[in-house]
């Protein structure tokens, strides 16, 4: 129960830090890109960790190319999802 509350508080902090802030139009895009780069790095690392853990469970038998592929797939998923969020935020600013 305590672990669930900790996860919820971390999620709330992440969502509040990724919410678009009120900037002037000259500052909005660079700030969005800067926060987006931080989110991209965090999401990629999280994806690599999740992929690494999944590869341990899914790919038995010592390691090798299968585990690397699953781990890199997880990293790619994290990177792709973060890039999509950043591009959507930039599109919203430009509208």
C-alpha atoms as a PDB file:
ATOM      1  CA  UNK A   1       0.000   0.000   0.000  1.00  0.00           C
ATOM      2  CA  UNK A   2       2.814   2.404   0.877  1.00  0.00           C
ATOM      3  CA  UNK A   3       4.635   1.485  -2.348  1.00  0.00           C
ATOM      4  CA  UNK A   4       1.518   2.361  -4.375  1.00  0.00           C
ATOM      5  CA  UNK A   5       1.254   5.794  -2.715  1.00  0.00           C
ATOM      6  CA  UNK A   6       4.923   6.456  -3.469  1.00  0.00           C
ATOM      7  CA  UNK A   7       4.383   5.607  -7.137  1.00  0.00           C
ATOM      8  CA  UNK A   8       1.320   7.864  -7.275  1.00  0.00           C
ATOM      9  CA  UNK A   9       3.210  10.798  -5.755  1.00  0.00           C
ATOM     10  CA  UNK A  10       6.098  10.324  -8.210  1.00  0.00           C
ATOM     11  CA  UNK A  11       3.642  10.171 -11.115  1.00  0.00           C
ATOM     12  CA  UNK A  12       1.923  13.379  -9.954  1.00  0.00           C
ATOM     13  CA  UNK A  13       5.284  15.163  -9.734  1.00  0.00           C
ATOM     14  CA  UNK A  14       6.262  13.980 -13.222  1.00  0.00           C
ATOM     15  CA  UNK A  15       2.939  15.053 -14.699  1.00  0.00           C
ATOM     16  CA  UNK A  16       3.127  18.480 -13.076  1.00  0.00           C
ATOM     17  CA  UNK A  17       6.701  18.973 -14.266  1.00  0.00           C
ATOM     18  CA  UNK A  18       5.822  17.969 -17.844  1.00  0.00           C
ATOM     19  CA  UNK A  19       2.723  20.173 -18.020  1.00  0.00           C
ATOM     20  CA  UNK A  20       3.203  23.095 -20.390  1.00  0.00           C
ATOM     21  CA  UNK A  21       4.018  26.305 -18.552  1.00  0.00           C
ATOM     22  CA  UNK A  22       3.045  29.829 -19.535  1.00  0.00           C
ATOM     23  CA  UNK A  23       5.978  31.372 -21.420  1.00  0.00           C
ATOM     24  CA  UNK A  24       6.190  34.124 -23.958  1.00  0.00           C
ATOM     25  CA  UNK A  25       6.122  32.902 -27.538  1.00  0.00           C
ATOM     26  CA  UNK A  26       9.882  33.484 -27.877  1.00  0.00           C
ATOM     27  CA  UNK A  27      10.602  31.256 -24.870  1.00  0.00           C
ATOM     28  CA  UNK A  28       7.950  28.595 -25.366  1.00  0.00           C
ATOM     29  CA  UNK A  29       9.586  26.425 -28.017  1.00  0.00           C
ATOM     30  CA  UNK A  30      13.121  26.384 -26.517  1.00  0.00           C
ATOM     31  CA  UNK A  31      11.664  25.567 -23.085  1.00  0.00           C
ATOM     32  CA  UNK A  32       9.527  22.805 -24.580  1.00  0.00           C
ATOM     33  CA  UNK A  33      12.550  21.369 -26.394  1.00  0.00           C
ATOM     34  CA  UNK A  34      14.679  21.534 -23.236  1.00  0.00           C
ATOM     35  CA  UNK A  35      12.082  19.778 -21.083  1.00  0.00           C
ATOM     36  CA  UNK A  36      11.459  17.368 -23.954  1.00  0.00           C
ATOM     37  CA  UNK A  37      15.130  16.381 -24.080  1.00  0.00           C
ATOM     38  CA  UNK A  38      15.016  15.608 -20.378  1.00  0.00           C
ATOM     39  CA  UNK A  39      11.878  13.524 -20.883  1.00  0.00           C
ATOM     40  CA  UNK A  40      13.451  11.741 -23.854  1.00  0.00           C
ATOM     41  CA  UNK A  41      16.519  10.797 -21.807  1.00  0.00           C
ATOM     42  CA  UNK A  42      14.407   9.639 -18.865  1.00  0.00           C
ATOM     43  CA  UNK A  43      11.994   7.655 -21.029  1.00  0.00           C
ATOM     44  CA  UNK A  44      14.818   6.013 -22.975  1.00  0.00           C
ATOM     45  CA  UNK A  45      16.582   4.898 -19.800  1.00  0.00           C
ATOM     46  CA  UNK A  46      13.291   3.678 -18.342  1.00  0.00           C
ATOM     47  CA  UNK A  47      12.592   1.754 -21.558  1.00  0.00           C
ATOM     48  CA  UNK A  48      16.046   0.200 -21.507  1.00  0.00           C
ATOM     49  CA  UNK A  49      15.560  -0.910 -17.908  1.00  0.00           C
ATOM     50  CA  UNK A  50      12.102  -2.313 -18.646  1.00  0.00           C
ATOM     51  CA  UNK A  51      13.418  -4.031 -21.772  1.00  0.00           C
ATOM     52  CA  UNK A  52      16.343  -5.466 -19.849  1.00  0.00           C
ATOM     53  CA  UNK A  53      14.050  -6.882 -17.202  1.00  0.00           C
ATOM     54  CA  UNK A  54      11.698  -8.251 -19.847  1.00  0.00           C
ATOM     55  CA  UNK A  55      14.611  -9.868 -21.665  1.00  0.00           C
ATOM     56  CA  UNK A  56      15.615 -11.707 -18.502  1.00  0.00           C
ATOM     57  CA  UNK A  57      12.123 -13.152 -18.221  1.00  0.00           C
ATOM     58  CA  UNK A  58      11.346 -13.715 -21.900  1.00  0.00           C
ATOM     59  CA  UNK A  59      14.688 -14.774 -23.366  1.00  0.00           C
ATOM     60  CA  UNK A  60      16.076 -17.649 -21.414  1.00  0.00           C
ATOM     61  CA  UNK A  61      19.350 -19.332 -22.054  1.00  0.00           C
ATOM     62  CA  UNK A  62      22.318 -17.208 -21.290  1.00  0.00           C
ATOM     63  CA  UNK A  63      22.010 -13.946 -23.127  1.00  0.00           C
ATOM     64  CA  UNK A  64      23.174 -12.986 -26.547  1.00  0.00           C
ATOM     65  CA  UNK A  65      21.376 -11.323 -29.395  1.00  0.00           C
ATOM     66  CA  UNK A  66      17.853 -12.071 -28.170  1.00  0.00           C
ATOM     67  CA  UNK A  67      18.314 -10.238 -24.893  1.00  0.00           C
ATOM     68  CA  UNK A  68      20.001  -7.317 -26.607  1.00  0.00           C
ATOM     69  CA  UNK A  69      17.159  -7.046 -29.110  1.00  0.00           C
ATOM     70  CA  UNK A  70      14.462  -7.019 -26.431  1.00  0.00           C
ATOM     71  CA  UNK A  71      16.405  -4.476 -24.360  1.00  0.00           C
ATOM     72  CA  UNK A  72      16.959  -2.169 -27.334  1.00  0.00           C
ATOM     73  CA  UNK A  73      13.309  -2.523 -28.308  1.00  0.00           C
ATOM     74  CA  UNK A  74      12.335  -1.250 -24.853  1.00  0.00           C
ATOM     75  CA  UNK A  75      14.705   1.706 -25.217  1.00  0.00           C
ATOM     76  CA  UNK A  76      13.287   2.489 -28.629  1.00  0.00           C
ATOM     77  CA  UNK A  77       9.753   2.413 -27.274  1.00  0.00           C
ATOM     78  CA  UNK A  78      10.704   4.880 -24.530  1.00  0.00           C
ATOM     79  CA  UNK A  79      12.474   7.168 -26.981  1.00  0.00           C
ATOM     80  CA  UNK A  80       9.618   7.061 -29.469  1.00  0.00           C
ATOM     81  CA  UNK A  81       6.923   7.798 -26.927  1.00  0.00           C
ATOM     82  CA  UNK A  82       8.853  10.739 -25.494  1.00  0.00           C
ATOM     83  CA  UNK A  83       9.546  12.159 -28.970  1.00  0.00           C
ATOM     84  CA  UNK A  84       5.851  11.916 -29.831  1.00  0.00           C
ATOM     85  CA  UNK A  85       4.916  13.863 -26.693  1.00  0.00           C
ATOM     86  CA  UNK A  86       7.472  16.582 -27.445  1.00  0.00           C
ATOM     87  CA  UNK A  87       6.366  16.955 -31.062  1.00  0.00           C
ATOM     88  CA  UNK A  88       2.714  17.190 -29.985  1.00  0.00           C
ATOM     89  CA  UNK A  89       3.573  19.902 -27.451  1.00  0.00           C
ATOM     90  CA  UNK A  90       5.470  21.878 -30.106  1.00  0.00           C
ATOM     91  CA  UNK A  91       2.559  21.542 -32.538  1.00  0.00           C
ATOM     92  CA  UNK A  92       0.196  22.856 -29.857  1.00  0.00           C
ATOM     93  CA  UNK A  93       2.434  25.876 -29.307  1.00  0.00           C
ATOM     94  CA  UNK A  94       2.614  26.627 -33.026  1.00  0.00           C
ATOM     95  CA  UNK A  95      -1.183  26.537 -33.496  1.00  0.00           C
END
